[in-house]
């Protein structure tokens, strides 16, 4: 593959390899220059991916290829596959995954996060309690503003498990601050077990809940999932498998004992 001189100069400039640019007259026609640039680009892409993955704080998660689409009673597979194209990030829209415990909301959210990281976006994954307690722990206005920037900077912020605990007015105001700072500019993904009509139970007596929900759902994709807990299903299957193994071992021991006696 041939590269024009102008293309090589632009890529050197983008890589900030100013020393090479300074000696362009000497190296511009060298056959090895394009390979050097490509090696540098690949290495920077690799380091950038590692850094974004580390900063996203996703932890371990199952790939969506392992998701049992037949298990939930209600789920729109095409809707989920559509948001995985990440158009919503480019549109600064939000995604809210609503459903009971154990139906795969976190799994889907982490796969969204991973896809975003792979495609070059900065991402931060956090639980609702982690985010709110972190912000509430700041002991001055200046430290709070610095901490808020941590949740404002990423292209995509994912807030998991909103609704499992209740919070006071201070926490409600802090979540409102995060949503407001990102509103119309950067995307948020939220997983929750509570329909919006029950968010007053999450933030009892907070006056900002209606406005918080309004800003969050404006230009948002709402994904409803319903069904029994898949984690409970897996736990029962594993328990049954272990019981079957124990029964098989007991049967083997009994057979061996009888064989020795005879």
C-alpha atoms as a PDB file:
ATOM      1  CA  UNK A   1       0.000   0.000   0.000  1.00  0.00           C
ATOM      2  CA  UNK A   2       1.365   3.378  -1.029  1.00  0.00           C
ATOM      3  CA  UNK A   3       1.019   6.500   1.080  1.00  0.00           C
ATOM      4  CA  UNK A   4       1.184  10.044  -0.157  1.00  0.00           C
ATOM      5  CA  UNK A   5       3.714  12.405   1.341  1.00  0.00           C
ATOM      6  CA  UNK A   6       0.918  14.644   2.606  1.00  0.00           C
ATOM      7  CA  UNK A   7      -0.797  11.708   4.321  1.00  0.00           C
ATOM      8  CA  UNK A   8       2.427  10.743   6.101  1.00  0.00           C
ATOM      9  CA  UNK A   9       3.069  14.329   7.193  1.00  0.00           C
ATOM     10  CA  UNK A  10      -0.462  14.626   8.617  1.00  0.00           C
ATOM     11  CA  UNK A  11      -0.132  11.368  10.551  1.00  0.00           C
ATOM     12  CA  UNK A  12       3.227  12.446  11.978  1.00  0.00           C
ATOM     13  CA  UNK A  13       1.611  15.690  13.100  1.00  0.00           C
ATOM     14  CA  UNK A  14      -1.331  13.828  14.690  1.00  0.00           C
ATOM     15  CA  UNK A  15       1.136  11.614  16.544  1.00  0.00           C
ATOM     16  CA  UNK A  16       3.100  14.695  17.645  1.00  0.00           C
ATOM     17  CA  UNK A  17       6.302  13.197  16.249  1.00  0.00           C
ATOM     18  CA  UNK A  18       7.755  16.615  15.682  1.00  0.00           C
ATOM     19  CA  UNK A  19      11.340  15.384  15.601  1.00  0.00           C
ATOM     20  CA  UNK A  20      10.592  13.352  12.492  1.00  0.00           C
ATOM     21  CA  UNK A  21       8.697  16.248  10.970  1.00  0.00           C
ATOM     22  CA  UNK A  22      11.674  18.511  11.601  1.00  0.00           C
ATOM     23  CA  UNK A  23      13.804  16.178   9.487  1.00  0.00           C
ATOM     24  CA  UNK A  24      11.176  15.602   6.812  1.00  0.00           C
ATOM     25  CA  UNK A  25      13.514  16.524   3.963  1.00  0.00           C
ATOM     26  CA  UNK A  26      15.850  13.740   5.060  1.00  0.00           C
ATOM     27  CA  UNK A  27      13.334  10.963   5.810  1.00  0.00           C
ATOM     28  CA  UNK A  28      10.204  11.828   3.805  1.00  0.00           C
ATOM     29  CA  UNK A  29      11.106   9.481   0.958  1.00  0.00           C
ATOM     30  CA  UNK A  30      12.417   6.617   3.083  1.00  0.00           C
ATOM     31  CA  UNK A  31      10.527   3.324   2.538  1.00  0.00           C
ATOM     32  CA  UNK A  32      10.527   2.523   6.262  1.00  0.00           C
ATOM     33  CA  UNK A  33       8.696   5.705   7.326  1.00  0.00           C
ATOM     34  CA  UNK A  34       5.163   4.399   6.694  1.00  0.00           C
ATOM     35  CA  UNK A  35       5.898   1.237   8.708  1.00  0.00           C
ATOM     36  CA  UNK A  36       7.261   3.256  11.627  1.00  0.00           C
ATOM     37  CA  UNK A  37       4.123   5.410  11.642  1.00  0.00           C
ATOM     38  CA  UNK A  38       1.847   2.361  11.521  1.00  0.00           C
ATOM     39  CA  UNK A  39       3.705   0.697  14.398  1.00  0.00           C
ATOM     40  CA  UNK A  40       3.405   3.857  16.502  1.00  0.00           C
ATOM     41  CA  UNK A  41      -0.313   4.204  15.699  1.00  0.00           C
ATOM     42  CA  UNK A  42      -1.053   0.580  16.630  1.00  0.00           C
ATOM     43  CA  UNK A  43       0.888   0.828  19.888  1.00  0.00           C
ATOM     44  CA  UNK A  44      -0.893   4.021  20.898  1.00  0.00           C
ATOM     45  CA  UNK A  45      -4.265   2.470  20.058  1.00  0.00           C
ATOM     46  CA  UNK A  46      -3.393  -0.556  22.208  1.00  0.00           C
ATOM     47  CA  UNK A  47      -2.342   1.579  25.173  1.00  0.00           C
ATOM     48  CA  UNK A  48      -5.395   3.791  24.765  1.00  0.00           C
ATOM     49  CA  UNK A  49      -7.708   0.764  24.809  1.00  0.00           C
ATOM     50  CA  UNK A  50      -5.988  -0.586  27.933  1.00  0.00           C
ATOM     51  CA  UNK A  51      -6.310   2.776  29.656  1.00  0.00           C
ATOM     52  CA  UNK A  52      -9.994   3.196  28.754  1.00  0.00           C
ATOM     53  CA  UNK A  53     -10.750  -0.370  29.852  1.00  0.00           C
ATOM     54  CA  UNK A  54      -8.994   0.166  33.192  1.00  0.00           C
ATOM     55  CA  UNK A  55     -10.719   3.500  33.817  1.00  0.00           C
ATOM     56  CA  UNK A  56     -14.170   2.092  32.948  1.00  0.00           C
ATOM     57  CA  UNK A  57     -13.999  -0.202  36.017  1.00  0.00           C
ATOM     58  CA  UNK A  58     -16.244  -2.857  34.531  1.00  0.00           C
ATOM     59  CA  UNK A  59     -14.932  -5.851  36.422  1.00  0.00           C
ATOM     60  CA  UNK A  60     -15.923  -9.316  35.250  1.00  0.00           C
ATOM     61  CA  UNK A  61     -19.046  -9.795  33.156  1.00  0.00           C
ATOM     62  CA  UNK A  62     -20.630 -12.231  30.724  1.00  0.00           C
ATOM     63  CA  UNK A  63     -20.620 -11.511  27.019  1.00  0.00           C
ATOM     64  CA  UNK A  64     -24.022 -10.813  25.533  1.00  0.00           C
ATOM     65  CA  UNK A  65     -23.491 -13.860  23.317  1.00  0.00           C
ATOM     66  CA  UNK A  66     -24.217 -15.902  26.482  1.00  0.00           C
ATOM     67  CA  UNK A  67     -27.496 -14.097  27.192  1.00  0.00           C
ATOM     68  CA  UNK A  68     -30.548 -16.389  27.219  1.00  0.00           C
ATOM     69  CA  UNK A  69     -33.020 -14.335  25.185  1.00  0.00           C
ATOM     70  CA  UNK A  70     -35.793 -16.891  25.781  1.00  0.00           C
ATOM     71  CA  UNK A  71     -35.669 -16.608  29.562  1.00  0.00           C
ATOM     72  CA  UNK A  72     -37.234 -13.148  30.193  1.00  0.00           C
ATOM     73  CA  UNK A  73     -40.983 -12.964  29.732  1.00  0.00           C
ATOM     74  CA  UNK A  74     -40.581  -9.524  28.185  1.00  0.00           C
ATOM     75  CA  UNK A  75     -37.580  -8.198  26.298  1.00  0.00           C
ATOM     76  CA  UNK A  76     -37.071  -6.514  22.928  1.00  0.00           C
ATOM     77  CA  UNK A  77     -33.933  -8.065  21.484  1.00  0.00           C
ATOM     78  CA  UNK A  78     -33.882  -5.708  18.485  1.00  0.00           C
ATOM     79  CA  UNK A  79     -34.060  -2.704  20.815  1.00  0.00           C
ATOM     80  CA  UNK A  80     -31.005  -3.905  22.759  1.00  0.00           C
ATOM     81  CA  UNK A  81     -29.070  -4.784  19.621  1.00  0.00           C
ATOM     82  CA  UNK A  82     -29.878  -1.304  18.306  1.00  0.00           C
ATOM     83  CA  UNK A  83     -28.432   0.508  21.340  1.00  0.00           C
ATOM     84  CA  UNK A  84     -25.296  -1.645  21.017  1.00  0.00           C
ATOM     85  CA  UNK A  85     -24.629   0.312  17.795  1.00  0.00           C
ATOM     86  CA  UNK A  86     -24.010   3.259  20.203  1.00  0.00           C
ATOM     87  CA  UNK A  87     -25.893   5.831  18.136  1.00  0.00           C
ATOM     88  CA  UNK A  88     -27.317   7.138  21.400  1.00  0.00           C
ATOM     89  CA  UNK A  89     -23.832   8.235  22.527  1.00  0.00           C
ATOM     90  CA  UNK A  90     -23.326  10.322  19.412  1.00  0.00           C
ATOM     91  CA  UNK A  91     -26.755  11.865  20.029  1.00  0.00           C
ATOM     92  CA  UNK A  92     -26.019  12.475  23.746  1.00  0.00           C
ATOM     93  CA  UNK A  93     -29.139  10.442  24.549  1.00  0.00           C
ATOM     94  CA  UNK A  94     -29.704   8.230  27.594  1.00  0.00           C
ATOM     95  CA  UNK A  95     -30.680   4.604  28.125  1.00  0.00           C
ATOM     96  CA  UNK A  96     -32.710   3.351  31.079  1.00  0.00           C
ATOM     97  CA  UNK A  97     -32.965  -0.400  31.701  1.00  0.00           C
ATOM     98  CA  UNK A  98     -35.987  -1.138  33.908  1.00  0.00           C
ATOM     99  CA  UNK A  99     -36.786  -4.536  35.374  1.00  0.00           C
ATOM    100  CA  UNK A 100     -36.760  -6.749  38.451  1.00  0.00           C
ATOM    101  CA  UNK A 101     -33.693  -8.277  40.029  1.00  0.00           C
ATOM    102  CA  UNK A 102     -31.732 -10.845  38.052  1.00  0.00           C
ATOM    103  CA  UNK A 103     -33.074 -10.321  34.511  1.00  0.00           C
ATOM    104  CA  UNK A 104     -29.777  -9.171  32.970  1.00  0.00           C
ATOM    105  CA  UNK A 105     -29.853  -5.377  33.269  1.00  0.00           C
ATOM    106  CA  UNK A 106     -26.293  -5.122  34.584  1.00  0.00           C
ATOM    107  CA  UNK A 107     -25.023  -7.649  32.041  1.00  0.00           C
ATOM    108  CA  UNK A 108     -26.492  -5.601  29.190  1.00  0.00           C
ATOM    109  CA  UNK A 109     -25.164  -2.340  30.667  1.00  0.00           C
ATOM    110  CA  UNK A 110     -21.631  -3.749  30.985  1.00  0.00           C
ATOM    111  CA  UNK A 111     -21.717  -5.051  27.420  1.00  0.00           C
ATOM    112  CA  UNK A 112     -22.776  -1.569  26.306  1.00  0.00           C
ATOM    113  CA  UNK A 113     -19.859  -0.126  28.248  1.00  0.00           C
ATOM    114  CA  UNK A 114     -17.392  -2.595  26.763  1.00  0.00           C
ATOM    115  CA  UNK A 115     -18.601  -1.906  23.237  1.00  0.00           C
ATOM    116  CA  UNK A 116     -18.219   1.821  23.839  1.00  0.00           C
ATOM    117  CA  UNK A 117     -14.663   1.346  25.144  1.00  0.00           C
ATOM    118  CA  UNK A 118     -13.714  -0.751  22.112  1.00  0.00           C
ATOM    119  CA  UNK A 119     -15.052   1.944  19.793  1.00  0.00           C
ATOM    120  CA  UNK A 120     -12.897   4.611  21.417  1.00  0.00           C
ATOM    121  CA  UNK A 121     -15.232   6.201  23.977  1.00  0.00           C
ATOM    122  CA  UNK A 122     -14.323   6.940  27.570  1.00  0.00           C
ATOM    123  CA  UNK A 123     -16.616   5.153  30.024  1.00  0.00           C
ATOM    124  CA  UNK A 124     -17.182   4.987  33.771  1.00  0.00           C
ATOM    125  CA  UNK A 125     -19.261   2.242  35.378  1.00  0.00           C
ATOM    126  CA  UNK A 126     -20.463   2.749  38.955  1.00  0.00           C
ATOM    127  CA  UNK A 127     -23.287   1.719  41.228  1.00  0.00           C
ATOM    128  CA  UNK A 128     -25.804   4.305  42.366  1.00  0.00           C
ATOM    129  CA  UNK A 129     -24.713   3.875  45.978  1.00  0.00           C
ATOM    130  CA  UNK A 130     -21.043   4.190  45.021  1.00  0.00           C
ATOM    131  CA  UNK A 131     -21.607   7.398  43.093  1.00  0.00           C
ATOM    132  CA  UNK A 132     -23.909   9.076  45.615  1.00  0.00           C
ATOM    133  CA  UNK A 133     -21.916   8.116  48.704  1.00  0.00           C
ATOM    134  CA  UNK A 134     -18.712   9.233  47.003  1.00  0.00           C
ATOM    135  CA  UNK A 135     -20.166  12.649  46.236  1.00  0.00           C
ATOM    136  CA  UNK A 136     -21.820  12.998  49.641  1.00  0.00           C
ATOM    137  CA  UNK A 137     -18.477  12.293  51.344  1.00  0.00           C
ATOM    138  CA  UNK A 138     -16.857  15.424  49.875  1.00  0.00           C
ATOM    139  CA  UNK A 139     -16.371  17.895  52.703  1.00  0.00           C
ATOM    140  CA  UNK A 140     -16.162  21.160  50.778  1.00  0.00           C
ATOM    141  CA  UNK A 141     -17.693  22.817  47.759  1.00  0.00           C
ATOM    142  CA  UNK A 142     -14.392  22.792  45.894  1.00  0.00           C
ATOM    143  CA  UNK A 143     -13.771  19.084  46.504  1.00  0.00           C
ATOM    144  CA  UNK A 144     -17.351  18.316  45.441  1.00  0.00           C
ATOM    145  CA  UNK A 145     -16.913  20.209  42.200  1.00  0.00           C
ATOM    146  CA  UNK A 146     -13.686  18.323  41.505  1.00  0.00           C
ATOM    147  CA  UNK A 147     -15.435  15.025  42.200  1.00  0.00           C
ATOM    148  CA  UNK A 148     -18.398  15.933  40.013  1.00  0.00           C
ATOM    149  CA  UNK A 149     -15.986  16.375  37.108  1.00  0.00           C
ATOM    150  CA  UNK A 150     -15.050  12.713  37.514  1.00  0.00           C
ATOM    151  CA  UNK A 151     -18.644  11.804  36.639  1.00  0.00           C
ATOM    152  CA  UNK A 152     -19.022  14.466  33.991  1.00  0.00           C
ATOM    153  CA  UNK A 153     -15.906  13.797  31.884  1.00  0.00           C
ATOM    154  CA  UNK A 154     -16.571  10.311  30.417  1.00  0.00           C
ATOM    155  CA  UNK A 155     -18.451  10.078  27.137  1.00  0.00           C
ATOM    156  CA  UNK A 156     -20.646   7.434  28.795  1.00  0.00           C
ATOM    157  CA  UNK A 157     -21.590   7.181  32.474  1.00  0.00           C
ATOM    158  CA  UNK A 158     -23.315   4.006  33.650  1.00  0.00           C
ATOM    159  CA  UNK A 159     -25.147   4.055  36.988  1.00  0.00           C
ATOM    160  CA  UNK A 160     -26.119   0.573  38.111  1.00  0.00           C
ATOM    161  CA  UNK A 161     -28.673  -0.614  40.693  1.00  0.00           C
ATOM    162  CA  UNK A 162     -30.668   2.548  41.257  1.00  0.00           C
ATOM    163  CA  UNK A 163     -33.692   1.676  43.368  1.00  0.00           C
ATOM    164  CA  UNK A 164     -32.343  -1.071  45.615  1.00  0.00           C
ATOM    165  CA  UNK A 165     -31.643   1.422  48.412  1.00  0.00           C
ATOM    166  CA  UNK A 166     -33.355   4.624  49.477  1.00  0.00           C
ATOM    167  CA  UNK A 167     -31.540   7.941  49.836  1.00  0.00           C
ATOM    168  CA  UNK A 168     -32.097  11.286  51.487  1.00  0.00           C
ATOM    169  CA  UNK A 169     -32.648  14.669  49.859  1.00  0.00           C
ATOM    170  CA  UNK A 170     -28.922  15.377  49.746  1.00  0.00           C
ATOM    171  CA  UNK A 171     -28.320  12.303  47.609  1.00  0.00           C
ATOM    172  CA  UNK A 172     -31.235  13.204  45.347  1.00  0.00           C
ATOM    173  CA  UNK A 173     -29.763  16.659  44.794  1.00  0.00           C
ATOM    174  CA  UNK A 174     -26.380  15.141  43.948  1.00  0.00           C
ATOM    175  CA  UNK A 175     -27.853  12.778  41.361  1.00  0.00           C
ATOM    176  CA  UNK A 176     -29.781  15.699  39.917  1.00  0.00           C
ATOM    177  CA  UNK A 177     -26.513  17.628  39.674  1.00  0.00           C
ATOM    178  CA  UNK A 178     -24.846  14.792  37.744  1.00  0.00           C
ATOM    179  CA  UNK A 179     -27.799  14.375  35.381  1.00  0.00           C
ATOM    180  CA  UNK A 180     -28.055  18.136  34.845  1.00  0.00           C
ATOM    181  CA  UNK A 181     -24.358  18.530  34.046  1.00  0.00           C
ATOM    182  CA  UNK A 182     -24.547  15.780  31.418  1.00  0.00           C
ATOM    183  CA  UNK A 183     -28.000  16.733  30.096  1.00  0.00           C
ATOM    184  CA  UNK A 184     -27.964  17.214  26.341  1.00  0.00           C
ATOM    185  CA  UNK A 185     -24.181  16.800  26.161  1.00  0.00           C
ATOM    186  CA  UNK A 186     -23.167  13.301  27.276  1.00  0.00           C
ATOM    187  CA  UNK A 187     -24.977  10.003  27.718  1.00  0.00           C
ATOM    188  CA  UNK A 188     -26.057   8.165  30.849  1.00  0.00           C
ATOM    189  CA  UNK A 189     -27.136   4.542  31.166  1.00  0.00           C
ATOM    190  CA  UNK A 190     -29.125   3.675  34.289  1.00  0.00           C
ATOM    191  CA  UNK A 191     -30.311   0.279  35.483  1.00  0.00           C
ATOM    192  CA  UNK A 192     -33.185   0.292  37.948  1.00  0.00           C
ATOM    193  CA  UNK A 193     -35.703  -2.083  39.452  1.00  0.00           C
ATOM    194  CA  UNK A 194     -38.185   0.738  39.995  1.00  0.00           C
ATOM    195  CA  UNK A 195     -40.558   2.226  37.415  1.00  0.00           C
ATOM    196  CA  UNK A 196     -40.317   6.005  37.330  1.00  0.00           C
ATOM    197  CA  UNK A 197     -43.582   6.356  39.252  1.00  0.00           C
ATOM    198  CA  UNK A 198     -41.881   4.724  42.246  1.00  0.00           C
ATOM    199  CA  UNK A 199     -38.728   6.839  42.309  1.00  0.00           C
ATOM    200  CA  UNK A 200     -40.241   8.845  45.158  1.00  0.00           C
ATOM    201  CA  UNK A 201     -39.642   5.709  47.225  1.00  0.00           C
ATOM    202  CA  UNK A 202     -35.957   5.860  46.310  1.00  0.00           C
ATOM    203  CA  UNK A 203     -35.714   9.548  47.207  1.00  0.00           C
ATOM    204  CA  UNK A 204     -38.491  10.133  49.767  1.00  0.00           C
ATOM    205  CA  UNK A 205     -39.622  13.769  50.043  1.00  0.00           C
ATOM    206  CA  UNK A 206     -37.048  15.010  47.509  1.00  0.00           C
ATOM    207  CA  UNK A 207     -38.502  17.900  45.520  1.00  0.00           C
ATOM    208  CA  UNK A 208     -36.262  17.383  42.500  1.00  0.00           C
ATOM    209  CA  UNK A 209     -37.411  13.861  41.574  1.00  0.00           C
ATOM    210  CA  UNK A 210     -39.930  14.921  38.913  1.00  0.00           C
ATOM    211  CA  UNK A 211     -37.427  17.219  37.213  1.00  0.00           C
ATOM    212  CA  UNK A 212     -34.690  14.587  37.569  1.00  0.00           C
ATOM    213  CA  UNK A 213     -36.796  11.985  35.776  1.00  0.00           C
ATOM    214  CA  UNK A 214     -37.888  14.522  33.165  1.00  0.00           C
ATOM    215  CA  UNK A 215     -34.296  15.376  32.223  1.00  0.00           C
ATOM    216  CA  UNK A 216     -33.178  11.773  32.341  1.00  0.00           C
ATOM    217  CA  UNK A 217     -35.894  10.395  30.051  1.00  0.00           C
ATOM    218  CA  UNK A 218     -35.940  13.290  27.596  1.00  0.00           C
ATOM    219  CA  UNK A 219     -34.460  11.855  24.392  1.00  0.00           C
ATOM    220  CA  UNK A 220     -33.926   8.509  26.127  1.00  0.00           C
ATOM    221  CA  UNK A 221     -34.367   4.865  25.176  1.00  0.00           C
ATOM    222  CA  UNK A 222     -36.429   3.078  27.835  1.00  0.00           C
ATOM    223  CA  UNK A 223     -35.904  -0.687  27.843  1.00  0.00           C
ATOM    224  CA  UNK A 224     -38.363  -2.768  29.818  1.00  0.00           C
ATOM    225  CA  UNK A 225     -37.345  -6.283  30.871  1.00  0.00           C
ATOM    226  CA  UNK A 226     -39.582  -8.589  32.858  1.00  0.00           C
ATOM    227  CA  UNK A 227     -39.280 -12.127  34.103  1.00  0.00           C
ATOM    228  CA  UNK A 228     -38.028 -14.277  36.985  1.00  0.00           C
ATOM    229  CA  UNK A 229     -34.455 -13.985  38.187  1.00  0.00           C
ATOM    230  CA  UNK A 230     -31.974 -15.664  35.861  1.00  0.00           C
ATOM    231  CA  UNK A 231     -29.424 -15.724  38.677  1.00  0.00           C
ATOM    232  CA  UNK A 232     -31.885 -17.708  40.812  1.00  0.00           C
ATOM    233  CA  UNK A 233     -32.429 -20.074  37.881  1.00  0.00           C
ATOM    234  CA  UNK A 234     -28.647 -20.570  37.540  1.00  0.00           C
ATOM    235  CA  UNK A 235     -28.293 -21.092  41.292  1.00  0.00           C
ATOM    236  CA  UNK A 236     -30.999 -23.778  41.268  1.00  0.00           C
ATOM    237  CA  UNK A 237     -29.408 -25.503  38.269  1.00  0.00           C
ATOM    238  CA  UNK A 238     -25.981 -25.505  39.930  1.00  0.00           C
ATOM    239  CA  UNK A 239     -27.471 -26.781  43.169  1.00  0.00           C
ATOM    240  CA  UNK A 240     -29.241 -29.593  41.319  1.00  0.00           C
ATOM    241  CA  UNK A 241     -26.020 -30.467  39.473  1.00  0.00           C
ATOM    242  CA  UNK A 242     -24.068 -30.624  42.744  1.00  0.00           C
ATOM    243  CA  UNK A 243     -26.761 -32.785  44.325  1.00  0.00           C
ATOM    244  CA  UNK A 244     -26.600 -35.128  41.335  1.00  0.00           C
ATOM    245  CA  UNK A 245     -22.802 -35.354  41.649  1.00  0.00           C
ATOM    246  CA  UNK A 246     -23.047 -36.096  45.380  1.00  0.00           C
ATOM    247  CA  UNK A 247     -25.633 -38.800  44.721  1.00  0.00           C
ATOM    248  CA  UNK A 248     -23.396 -40.353  42.052  1.00  0.00           C
ATOM    249  CA  UNK A 249     -20.403 -40.343  44.428  1.00  0.00           C
ATOM    250  CA  UNK A 250     -22.504 -41.909  47.195  1.00  0.00           C
ATOM    251  CA  UNK A 251     -23.743 -44.587  44.810  1.00  0.00           C
ATOM    252  CA  UNK A 252     -20.159 -45.344  43.755  1.00  0.00           C
ATOM    253  CA  UNK A 253     -18.994 -45.594  47.373  1.00  0.00           C
ATOM    254  CA  UNK A 254     -21.879 -47.921  48.230  1.00  0.00           C
ATOM    255  CA  UNK A 255     -21.126 -50.132  45.238  1.00  0.00           C
ATOM    256  CA  UNK A 256     -17.419 -50.283  46.164  1.00  0.00           C
ATOM    257  CA  UNK A 257     -18.256 -51.167  49.773  1.00  0.00           C
ATOM    258  CA  UNK A 258     -20.520 -54.021  48.694  1.00  0.00           C
ATOM    259  CA  UNK A 259     -17.866 -55.250  46.271  1.00  0.00           C
ATOM    260  CA  UNK A 260     -15.257 -55.402  49.072  1.00  0.00           C
ATOM    261  CA  UNK A 261     -17.629 -57.301  51.361  1.00  0.00           C
ATOM    262  CA  UNK A 262     -18.326 -59.877  48.732  1.00  0.00           C
END
